[in-house]
Amino acid sequence: MDYKDWIQNRAEEIAEEQHGKEFYDLPDNLQIEVWNKAEADYHDHEADRIDAAYDRWMEEQFFRQSNIG
């Protein structure tokens, strides 16, 4: 799933959860607000993935160093 699909899906979830409507049934100004929230959620999601990948890499480095000595 690419980022546009992810954000679209998240915007649809937010619209339903917070406003009880489908995304395209919201007024334009609310669509923009929901879309911006979905984009922010995407950035947080990706930052979490990067952090997790970095943590795994650091653990691998630690174990490699432990096995050398």
Protein backbone atom coordinates (compact mmCIF):
# COMPACT_ATOMS: atom_id res chain seq x y z
CA MET A 1 0.00 0.00 0.00
CA ASP A 2 1.45 3.35 -0.95
CA TYR A 3 1.23 6.46 1.19
CA LYS A 4 -1.73 7.92 -0.68
CA ASP A 5 -3.79 4.79 -0.10
CA TRP A 6 -2.71 4.67 3.55
CA ILE A 7 -3.74 8.30 4.10
CA GLN A 8 -7.03 7.80 2.25
CA ASN A 9 -7.89 4.78 4.38
CA ARG A 10 -6.93 6.64 7.57
CA ALA A 11 -8.99 9.69 6.55
CA GLU A 12 -11.99 7.45 6.01
CA GLU A 13 -11.47 5.90 9.46
CA ILE A 14 -11.15 9.30 11.14
CA ALA A 15 -14.26 10.62 9.39
CA GLU A 16 -16.28 7.65 10.57
CA GLU A 17 -14.85 7.56 14.11
CA GLN A 18 -14.97 11.27 14.85
CA HIS A 19 -17.86 12.50 12.73
CA GLY A 20 -20.00 9.45 12.03
CA LYS A 21 -19.88 10.12 8.29
CA GLU A 22 -18.03 8.96 5.24
CA PHE A 23 -15.12 11.16 4.27
CA TYR A 24 -16.72 12.56 1.11
CA ASP A 25 -19.92 13.35 2.99
CA LEU A 26 -18.05 15.84 5.18
CA PRO A 27 -17.99 19.54 4.30
CA ASP A 28 -14.88 20.65 2.40
CA ASN A 29 -13.28 22.39 5.37
CA LEU A 30 -13.74 19.29 7.54
CA GLN A 31 -12.36 17.06 4.77
CA ILE A 32 -9.20 19.16 4.79
CA GLU A 33 -8.93 18.94 8.56
CA VAL A 34 -9.44 15.16 8.53
CA TRP A 35 -7.00 14.73 5.64
CA ASN A 36 -4.34 16.74 7.48
CA LYS A 37 -4.84 14.57 10.58
CA ALA A 38 -4.50 11.45 8.44
CA GLU A 39 -1.25 12.82 6.97
CA ALA A 40 0.08 13.53 10.46
CA ASP A 41 -0.85 9.99 11.51
CA TYR A 42 1.01 8.64 8.48
CA HIS A 43 4.15 10.56 9.41
CA ASP A 44 3.91 9.26 12.98
CA HIS A 45 3.38 5.72 11.68
CA GLU A 46 6.44 5.93 9.43
CA ALA A 47 8.56 7.47 12.19
CA ASP A 48 7.61 4.56 14.45
CA ARG A 49 8.59 2.08 11.72
CA ILE A 50 11.96 3.80 11.27
CA ASP A 51 12.56 3.82 15.02
CA ALA A 52 11.73 0.12 15.24
CA ALA A 53 14.07 -0.71 12.34
CA TYR A 54 16.86 1.31 13.96
CA ASP A 55 16.31 -0.42 17.30
CA ARG A 56 16.51 -3.84 15.62
CA TRP A 57 19.70 -2.79 13.84
CA MET A 58 21.24 -1.58 17.10
CA GLU A 59 20.38 -4.86 18.80
CA GLU A 60 22.04 -6.77 15.96
CA GLN A 61 25.14 -4.62 16.30
CA PHE A 62 25.23 -5.24 20.04
CA PHE A 63 24.92 -9.00 19.61
CA ARG A 64 27.60 -9.03 16.91
CA GLN A 65 29.96 -7.13 19.17
CA SER A 66 29.13 -9.47 22.06
CA ASN A 67 29.92 -12.53 19.94
CA ILE A 68 33.25 -11.13 18.74
CA GLY A 69 34.69 -10.59 22.20
